[in-house]
Amino acid sequence: QAEAILAGGGTAAAMVGRLIGGTTYLLMTAALIPIYFFFFAWQFGPLVHHFQRYIPVSHRDRWLAIISQMDRAVSTYFRDRVVIAGLMAVMFALGWLFCGVPYALLLGIAAGALSLIPYAASIVWPLAVALTWLHGGSDEPWTAWFLWPTVIYWVVQTIESWLLTPWIQGKSMEMSVPTILIVIFIGGAVGGLYGLLLCIPIAACGKILLREVFLPRLEAWANTH
């Protein structure tokens, strides 16, 4: 019996350790990516100005226009992510407040901030369940402390994945809803958290290159053969 207790304690400690490690990784990623993007955006103008001297004069105006389109696409993406994160913070806070989750406002703000990275808000969900259980939920049916906070999380996450992201970002970046969803699935499968965050701006920049560079050349090649 003592061995079983020790084994169970070791398993629980390992699970807690993995949870803490994963949470730390997500928090560091959520904090560092906006900082990196800020410094990159801050230096983007001088960087382009420095390297434009190496672009042939005959093509310089065209490539600077293409780079400017990419810059606007990336800026629009991160602006839209902030808008979506704000809407999700409101929905999480109101939903968990309605369910009686303690510190619903703070948890909603934290989940909204983490949702700058798609699906990163998932680390707040078990915290909401645990706090509800600790504040008297253990004496109530499991639907009170587990089911309803979980339902709120998945409803908000579904609204973000299937409505907010495709509608807001798809409209501003001129990408269809199915395209946005496919890009998110591929980005998450290939690049994990970074893939989820960067897949849409990368796809938007790829679309600009395809429209401005490759398709005209393909059309010119087709007209000469």
C-alpha atoms as a PDB file:
ATOM      1  CA  GLN A   1       0.000   0.000   0.000  1.00  0.00           C
ATOM      2  CA  ALA A   2       2.845   2.393   0.846  1.00  0.00           C
ATOM      3  CA  GLU A   3       4.454   1.673  -2.519  1.00  0.00           C
ATOM      4  CA  ALA A   4       1.169   2.426  -4.277  1.00  0.00           C
ATOM      5  CA  ILE A   5       0.835   5.718  -2.427  1.00  0.00           C
ATOM      6  CA  LEU A   6       4.417   6.680  -3.299  1.00  0.00           C
ATOM      7  CA  ALA A   7       3.874   5.706  -6.917  1.00  0.00           C
ATOM      8  CA  GLY A   8       0.682   7.744  -7.068  1.00  0.00           C
ATOM      9  CA  GLY A   9       2.441  10.693  -5.466  1.00  0.00           C
ATOM     10  CA  GLY A  10       5.273  10.468  -7.985  1.00  0.00           C
ATOM     11  CA  THR A  11       2.823  10.375 -10.885  1.00  0.00           C
ATOM     12  CA  ALA A  12       0.950  13.390  -9.524  1.00  0.00           C
ATOM     13  CA  ALA A  13       4.216  15.294  -9.014  1.00  0.00           C
ATOM     14  CA  ALA A  14       5.268  14.495 -12.577  1.00  0.00           C
ATOM     15  CA  MET A  15       1.926  15.724 -13.924  1.00  0.00           C
ATOM     16  CA  VAL A  16       2.193  18.933 -11.894  1.00  0.00           C
ATOM     17  CA  GLY A  17       5.754  19.408 -13.142  1.00  0.00           C
ATOM     18  CA  ARG A  18       4.681  18.971 -16.768  1.00  0.00           C
ATOM     19  CA  LEU A  19       1.791  21.384 -16.244  1.00  0.00           C
ATOM     20  CA  ILE A  20       4.073  24.007 -14.691  1.00  0.00           C
ATOM     21  CA  GLY A  21       6.650  23.537 -17.448  1.00  0.00           C
ATOM     22  CA  GLY A  22       4.055  23.824 -20.192  1.00  0.00           C
ATOM     23  CA  THR A  23       2.485  26.870 -18.572  1.00  0.00           C
ATOM     24  CA  THR A  24       5.875  28.555 -18.223  1.00  0.00           C
ATOM     25  CA  TYR A  25       6.666  27.857 -21.872  1.00  0.00           C
ATOM     26  CA  LEU A  26       3.340  29.292 -23.037  1.00  0.00           C
ATOM     27  CA  LEU A  27       3.702  32.393 -20.880  1.00  0.00           C
ATOM     28  CA  MET A  28       7.244  33.039 -22.075  1.00  0.00           C
ATOM     29  CA  THR A  29       6.181  32.545 -25.681  1.00  0.00           C
ATOM     30  CA  ALA A  30       3.202  34.871 -25.248  1.00  0.00           C
ATOM     31  CA  ALA A  31       5.466  37.514 -23.719  1.00  0.00           C
ATOM     32  CA  LEU A  32       8.454  37.230 -26.064  1.00  0.00           C
ATOM     33  CA  ILE A  33       6.693  37.071 -29.436  1.00  0.00           C
ATOM     34  CA  PRO A  34       5.037  40.527 -29.136  1.00  0.00           C
ATOM     35  CA  ILE A  35       8.380  41.955 -27.952  1.00  0.00           C
ATOM     36  CA  TYR A  36      10.230  40.460 -30.924  1.00  0.00           C
ATOM     37  CA  PHE A  37       7.547  41.674 -33.288  1.00  0.00           C
ATOM     38  CA  PHE A  38       7.684  45.188 -31.820  1.00  0.00           C
ATOM     39  CA  PHE A  39      11.441  45.469 -32.333  1.00  0.00           C
ATOM     40  CA  PHE A  40      11.186  43.962 -35.815  1.00  0.00           C
ATOM     41  CA  ALA A  41       8.407  46.398 -36.784  1.00  0.00           C
ATOM     42  CA  TRP A  42      10.375  49.278 -35.252  1.00  0.00           C
ATOM     43  CA  GLN A  43      13.418  48.456 -37.385  1.00  0.00           C
ATOM     44  CA  PHE A  44      11.510  47.408 -40.515  1.00  0.00           C
ATOM     45  CA  GLY A  45      11.609  50.842 -42.182  1.00  0.00           C
ATOM     46  CA  PRO A  46      15.362  51.409 -41.680  1.00  0.00           C
ATOM     47  CA  LEU A  47      16.000  47.785 -42.714  1.00  0.00           C
ATOM     48  CA  VAL A  48      14.150  48.240 -46.008  1.00  0.00           C
ATOM     49  CA  HIS A  49      15.865  51.582 -46.590  1.00  0.00           C
ATOM     50  CA  HIS A  50      19.257  49.951 -46.032  1.00  0.00           C
ATOM     51  CA  PHE A  51      18.716  47.019 -48.407  1.00  0.00           C
ATOM     52  CA  GLN A  52      16.847  48.856 -51.165  1.00  0.00           C
ATOM     53  CA  ARG A  53      20.196  49.983 -52.616  1.00  0.00           C
ATOM     54  CA  TYR A  54      20.831  46.340 -53.544  1.00  0.00           C
ATOM     55  CA  ILE A  55      17.593  46.060 -55.550  1.00  0.00           C
ATOM     56  CA  PRO A  56      18.105  46.782 -59.270  1.00  0.00           C
ATOM     57  CA  VAL A  57      16.822  50.247 -60.166  1.00  0.00           C
ATOM     58  CA  SER A  58      14.582  48.863 -62.889  1.00  0.00           C
ATOM     59  CA  HIS A  59      12.690  46.710 -60.349  1.00  0.00           C
ATOM     60  CA  ARG A  60      13.130  48.792 -57.194  1.00  0.00           C
ATOM     61  CA  ASP A  61       9.756  50.573 -57.168  1.00  0.00           C
ATOM     62  CA  ARG A  62       7.878  47.350 -57.822  1.00  0.00           C
ATOM     63  CA  TRP A  63       9.617  45.374 -55.069  1.00  0.00           C
ATOM     64  CA  LEU A  64       9.280  48.210 -52.574  1.00  0.00           C
ATOM     65  CA  ALA A  65       5.539  48.280 -53.321  1.00  0.00           C
ATOM     66  CA  ILE A  66       5.339  44.507 -52.744  1.00  0.00           C
ATOM     67  CA  ILE A  67       7.259  44.781 -49.465  1.00  0.00           C
ATOM     68  CA  SER A  68       4.926  47.594 -48.395  1.00  0.00           C
ATOM     69  CA  GLN A  69       1.906  45.354 -49.056  1.00  0.00           C
ATOM     70  CA  MET A  70       3.460  42.606 -46.932  1.00  0.00           C
ATOM     71  CA  ASP A  71       4.146  45.067 -44.123  1.00  0.00           C
ATOM     72  CA  ARG A  72       0.503  46.175 -44.123  1.00  0.00           C
ATOM     73  CA  ALA A  73      -0.686  42.558 -44.150  1.00  0.00           C
ATOM     74  CA  VAL A  74       1.438  41.602 -41.113  1.00  0.00           C
ATOM     75  CA  SER A  75       0.449  44.779 -39.222  1.00  0.00           C
ATOM     76  CA  THR A  76      -3.218  44.114 -39.969  1.00  0.00           C
ATOM     77  CA  TYR A  77      -2.907  40.545 -38.708  1.00  0.00           C
ATOM     78  CA  PHE A  78      -1.491  41.524 -35.310  1.00  0.00           C
ATOM     79  CA  ARG A  79      -4.002  44.371 -34.958  1.00  0.00           C
ATOM     80  CA  ASP A  80      -6.828  41.903 -35.611  1.00  0.00           C
ATOM     81  CA  ARG A  81      -5.367  39.447 -33.092  1.00  0.00           C
ATOM     82  CA  VAL A  82      -5.537  42.163 -30.425  1.00  0.00           C
ATOM     83  CA  VAL A  83      -9.194  42.838 -31.299  1.00  0.00           C
ATOM     84  CA  ILE A  84     -10.031  39.119 -31.147  1.00  0.00           C
ATOM     85  CA  ALA A  85      -8.182  38.745 -27.830  1.00  0.00           C
ATOM     86  CA  GLY A  86     -10.200  41.625 -26.358  1.00  0.00           C
ATOM     87  CA  LEU A  87     -13.504  40.080 -27.470  1.00  0.00           C
ATOM     88  CA  MET A  88     -12.492  36.711 -26.050  1.00  0.00           C
ATOM     89  CA  ALA A  89     -11.502  38.287 -22.716  1.00  0.00           C
ATOM     90  CA  VAL A  90     -14.982  39.793 -22.425  1.00  0.00           C
ATOM     91  CA  MET A  91     -16.700  36.497 -23.327  1.00  0.00           C
ATOM     92  CA  PHE A  92     -14.564  34.437 -20.934  1.00  0.00           C
ATOM     93  CA  ALA A  93     -15.064  36.894 -18.057  1.00  0.00           C
ATOM     94  CA  LEU A  94     -18.856  37.162 -18.509  1.00  0.00           C
ATOM     95  CA  GLY A  95     -19.305  33.421 -19.044  1.00  0.00           C
ATOM     96  CA  TRP A  96     -17.265  32.373 -16.015  1.00  0.00           C
ATOM     97  CA  LEU A  97     -18.856  35.104 -13.897  1.00  0.00           C
ATOM     98  CA  PHE A  98     -22.280  33.694 -14.805  1.00  0.00           C
ATOM     99  CA  CYS A  99     -21.082  30.202 -13.800  1.00  0.00           C
ATOM    100  CA  GLY A 100     -19.782  31.432 -10.446  1.00  0.00           C
ATOM    101  CA  VAL A 101     -16.089  30.924 -11.179  1.00  0.00           C
ATOM    102  CA  PRO A 102     -13.945  32.836  -8.623  1.00  0.00           C
ATOM    103  CA  TYR A 103     -11.829  35.663 -10.002  1.00  0.00           C
ATOM    104  CA  ALA A 104     -13.734  35.425 -13.280  1.00  0.00           C
ATOM    105  CA  LEU A 105     -12.652  38.898 -14.398  1.00  0.00           C
ATOM    106  CA  LEU A 106      -8.937  38.220 -13.857  1.00  0.00           C
ATOM    107  CA  LEU A 107      -9.166  34.778 -15.445  1.00  0.00           C
ATOM    108  CA  GLY A 108     -11.021  36.233 -18.440  1.00  0.00           C
ATOM    109  CA  ILE A 109      -8.372  38.918 -18.952  1.00  0.00           C
ATOM    110  CA  ALA A 110      -5.587  36.311 -18.659  1.00  0.00           C
ATOM    111  CA  ALA A 111      -7.304  33.983 -21.130  1.00  0.00           C
ATOM    112  CA  GLY A 112      -7.880  36.867 -23.546  1.00  0.00           C
ATOM    113  CA  ALA A 113      -4.240  37.955 -23.347  1.00  0.00           C
ATOM    114  CA  LEU A 114      -2.993  34.416 -23.932  1.00  0.00           C
ATOM    115  CA  SER A 115      -5.354  34.030 -26.903  1.00  0.00           C
ATOM    116  CA  LEU A 116      -3.021  36.324 -28.852  1.00  0.00           C
ATOM    117  CA  ILE A 117      -1.516  32.916 -29.584  1.00  0.00           C
ATOM    118  CA  PRO A 118      -4.359  30.707 -30.888  1.00  0.00           C
ATOM    119  CA  TYR A 119      -5.451  28.100 -28.317  1.00  0.00           C
ATOM    120  CA  ALA A 120      -2.939  29.289 -25.683  1.00  0.00           C
ATOM    121  CA  ALA A 121      -5.898  30.273 -23.496  1.00  0.00           C
ATOM    122  CA  SER A 122      -6.308  26.551 -22.766  1.00  0.00           C
ATOM    123  CA  ILE A 123      -3.953  26.831 -19.777  1.00  0.00           C
ATOM    124  CA  VAL A 124      -6.488  29.064 -17.971  1.00  0.00           C
ATOM    125  CA  TRP A 125      -9.300  26.525 -18.367  1.00  0.00           C
ATOM    126  CA  PRO A 126      -8.045  23.971 -15.759  1.00  0.00           C
ATOM    127  CA  LEU A 127      -7.212  26.877 -13.451  1.00  0.00           C
ATOM    128  CA  ALA A 128     -10.832  28.071 -13.644  1.00  0.00           C
ATOM    129  CA  VAL A 129     -12.059  24.543 -12.885  1.00  0.00           C
ATOM    130  CA  ALA A 130      -9.635  24.129  -9.965  1.00  0.00           C
ATOM    131  CA  LEU A 131     -10.542  27.479  -8.393  1.00  0.00           C
ATOM    132  CA  THR A 132     -14.256  26.683  -8.663  1.00  0.00           C
ATOM    133  CA  TRP A 133     -13.692  23.334  -6.956  1.00  0.00           C
ATOM    134  CA  LEU A 134     -11.574  24.855  -4.177  1.00  0.00           C
ATOM    135  CA  HIS A 135     -14.140  27.584  -3.435  1.00  0.00           C
ATOM    136  CA  GLY A 136     -16.882  25.239  -2.335  1.00  0.00           C
ATOM    137  CA  GLY A 137     -17.381  23.317  -5.533  1.00  0.00           C
ATOM    138  CA  SER A 138     -16.248  20.059  -3.964  1.00  0.00           C
ATOM    139  CA  ASP A 139     -19.501  19.930  -1.981  1.00  0.00           C
ATOM    140  CA  GLU A 140     -21.615  20.389  -5.136  1.00  0.00           C
ATOM    141  CA  PRO A 141     -22.338  18.208  -8.188  1.00  0.00           C
ATOM    142  CA  TRP A 142     -19.552  17.977 -10.745  1.00  0.00           C
ATOM    143  CA  THR A 143     -21.681  19.968 -13.192  1.00  0.00           C
ATOM    144  CA  ALA A 144     -21.242  23.018 -10.953  1.00  0.00           C
ATOM    145  CA  TRP A 145     -17.460  23.043 -10.712  1.00  0.00           C
ATOM    146  CA  PHE A 146     -16.344  21.198 -13.868  1.00  0.00           C
ATOM    147  CA  LEU A 147     -18.984  21.039 -16.571  1.00  0.00           C
ATOM    148  CA  TRP A 148     -20.104  24.666 -16.852  1.00  0.00           C
ATOM    149  CA  PRO A 149     -16.658  26.334 -16.714  1.00  0.00           C
ATOM    150  CA  THR A 150     -15.563  23.796 -19.329  1.00  0.00           C
ATOM    151  CA  VAL A 151     -18.596  24.489 -21.519  1.00  0.00           C
ATOM    152  CA  ILE A 152     -17.888  28.228 -21.377  1.00  0.00           C
ATOM    153  CA  TYR A 153     -14.275  27.658 -22.405  1.00  0.00           C
ATOM    154  CA  TRP A 154     -15.157  25.492 -25.399  1.00  0.00           C
ATOM    155  CA  VAL A 155     -18.005  27.744 -26.524  1.00  0.00           C
ATOM    156  CA  VAL A 156     -15.730  30.806 -26.535  1.00  0.00           C
ATOM    157  CA  GLN A 157     -12.934  28.838 -28.214  1.00  0.00           C
ATOM    158  CA  THR A 158     -15.351  27.610 -30.892  1.00  0.00           C
ATOM    159  CA  ILE A 159     -16.596  31.153 -31.522  1.00  0.00           C
ATOM    160  CA  GLU A 160     -12.983  32.325 -31.889  1.00  0.00           C
ATOM    161  CA  SER A 161     -11.939  29.475 -34.190  1.00  0.00           C
ATOM    162  CA  TRP A 162     -14.984  29.326 -36.454  1.00  0.00           C
ATOM    163  CA  LEU A 163     -16.350  32.892 -36.378  1.00  0.00           C
ATOM    164  CA  LEU A 164     -14.006  35.606 -35.090  1.00  0.00           C
ATOM    165  CA  THR A 165     -10.725  34.535 -36.710  1.00  0.00           C
ATOM    166  CA  PRO A 166     -12.179  33.602 -40.130  1.00  0.00           C
ATOM    167  CA  TRP A 167     -14.516  36.613 -40.217  1.00  0.00           C
ATOM    168  CA  ILE A 168     -12.271  39.394 -38.878  1.00  0.00           C
ATOM    169  CA  GLN A 169      -8.930  38.218 -40.240  1.00  0.00           C
ATOM    170  CA  GLY A 170     -10.306  36.651 -43.388  1.00  0.00           C
ATOM    171  CA  LYS A 171     -12.076  39.877 -44.328  1.00  0.00           C
ATOM    172  CA  SER A 172      -9.161  42.208 -43.572  1.00  0.00           C
ATOM    173  CA  MET A 173      -6.576  39.961 -45.232  1.00  0.00           C
ATOM    174  CA  GLU A 174      -8.767  39.041 -48.221  1.00  0.00           C
ATOM    175  CA  MET A 175      -8.706  35.319 -47.473  1.00  0.00           C
ATOM    176  CA  SER A 176     -11.759  33.060 -47.506  1.00  0.00           C
ATOM    177  CA  VAL A 177     -12.998  31.288 -44.359  1.00  0.00           C
ATOM    178  CA  PRO A 178     -12.014  27.779 -45.591  1.00  0.00           C
ATOM    179  CA  THR A 179      -8.548  29.097 -46.504  1.00  0.00           C
ATOM    180  CA  ILE A 180      -8.066  30.614 -43.025  1.00  0.00           C
ATOM    181  CA  LEU A 181      -9.117  27.367 -41.325  1.00  0.00           C
ATOM    182  CA  ILE A 182      -6.869  25.214 -43.531  1.00  0.00           C
ATOM    183  CA  VAL A 183      -3.911  27.553 -42.958  1.00  0.00           C
ATOM    184  CA  ILE A 184      -4.437  27.420 -39.170  1.00  0.00           C
ATOM    185  CA  PHE A 185      -4.611  23.613 -39.151  1.00  0.00           C
ATOM    186  CA  ILE A 186      -1.461  23.286 -41.269  1.00  0.00           C
ATOM    187  CA  GLY A 187       0.408  25.941 -39.258  1.00  0.00           C
ATOM    188  CA  GLY A 188      -0.419  24.269 -35.959  1.00  0.00           C
ATOM    189  CA  ALA A 189       0.559  20.822 -37.237  1.00  0.00           C
ATOM    190  CA  VAL A 190       3.864  21.994 -38.713  1.00  0.00           C
ATOM    191  CA  GLY A 191       5.023  24.750 -36.364  1.00  0.00           C
ATOM    192  CA  GLY A 192       3.164  24.302 -33.082  1.00  0.00           C
ATOM    193  CA  LEU A 193       2.548  27.569 -31.210  1.00  0.00           C
ATOM    194  CA  TYR A 194       4.754  29.581 -33.542  1.00  0.00           C
ATOM    195  CA  GLY A 195       3.008  28.029 -36.513  1.00  0.00           C
ATOM    196  CA  LEU A 196      -0.400  28.983 -35.131  1.00  0.00           C
ATOM    197  CA  LEU A 197       0.718  32.555 -34.577  1.00  0.00           C
ATOM    198  CA  LEU A 198       2.584  33.112 -37.847  1.00  0.00           C
ATOM    199  CA  CYS A 199       0.726  30.912 -40.342  1.00  0.00           C
ATOM    200  CA  ILE A 200      -1.830  33.562 -41.383  1.00  0.00           C
ATOM    201  CA  PRO A 201       0.648  36.439 -42.019  1.00  0.00           C
ATOM    202  CA  ILE A 202       2.971  34.014 -43.844  1.00  0.00           C
ATOM    203  CA  ALA A 203       0.053  32.854 -46.000  1.00  0.00           C
ATOM    204  CA  ALA A 204      -0.942  36.477 -46.667  1.00  0.00           C
ATOM    205  CA  CYS A 205       2.619  37.356 -47.737  1.00  0.00           C
ATOM    206  CA  GLY A 206       2.722  34.241 -49.903  1.00  0.00           C
ATOM    207  CA  LYS A 207      -0.525  35.290 -51.556  1.00  0.00           C
ATOM    208  CA  ILE A 208       0.936  38.730 -52.309  1.00  0.00           C
ATOM    209  CA  LEU A 209       4.042  37.155 -53.889  1.00  0.00           C
ATOM    210  CA  LEU A 210       1.880  34.768 -55.883  1.00  0.00           C
ATOM    211  CA  ARG A 211      -0.345  37.582 -57.156  1.00  0.00           C
ATOM    212  CA  GLU A 212       2.371  40.127 -57.856  1.00  0.00           C
ATOM    213  CA  VAL A 213       5.307  37.978 -59.010  1.00  0.00           C
ATOM    214  CA  PHE A 214       4.597  34.366 -59.930  1.00  0.00           C
ATOM    215  CA  LEU A 215       1.167  34.548 -61.607  1.00  0.00           C
ATOM    216  CA  PRO A 216       2.164  37.402 -63.982  1.00  0.00           C
ATOM    217  CA  ARG A 217       5.248  35.416 -65.022  1.00  0.00           C
ATOM    218  CA  LEU A 218       3.181  32.270 -65.483  1.00  0.00           C
ATOM    219  CA  GLU A 219       0.659  34.217 -67.560  1.00  0.00           C
ATOM    220  CA  ALA A 220       3.449  35.726 -69.690  1.00  0.00           C
ATOM    221  CA  TRP A 221       4.982  32.277 -70.198  1.00  0.00           C
ATOM    222  CA  ALA A 222       1.588  30.834 -71.184  1.00  0.00           C
ATOM    223  CA  ASN A 223       1.002  33.617 -73.744  1.00  0.00           C
ATOM    224  CA  THR A 224       4.331  32.911 -75.450  1.00  0.00           C
ATOM    225  CA  HIS A 225       3.883  29.152 -75.812  1.00  0.00           C
END
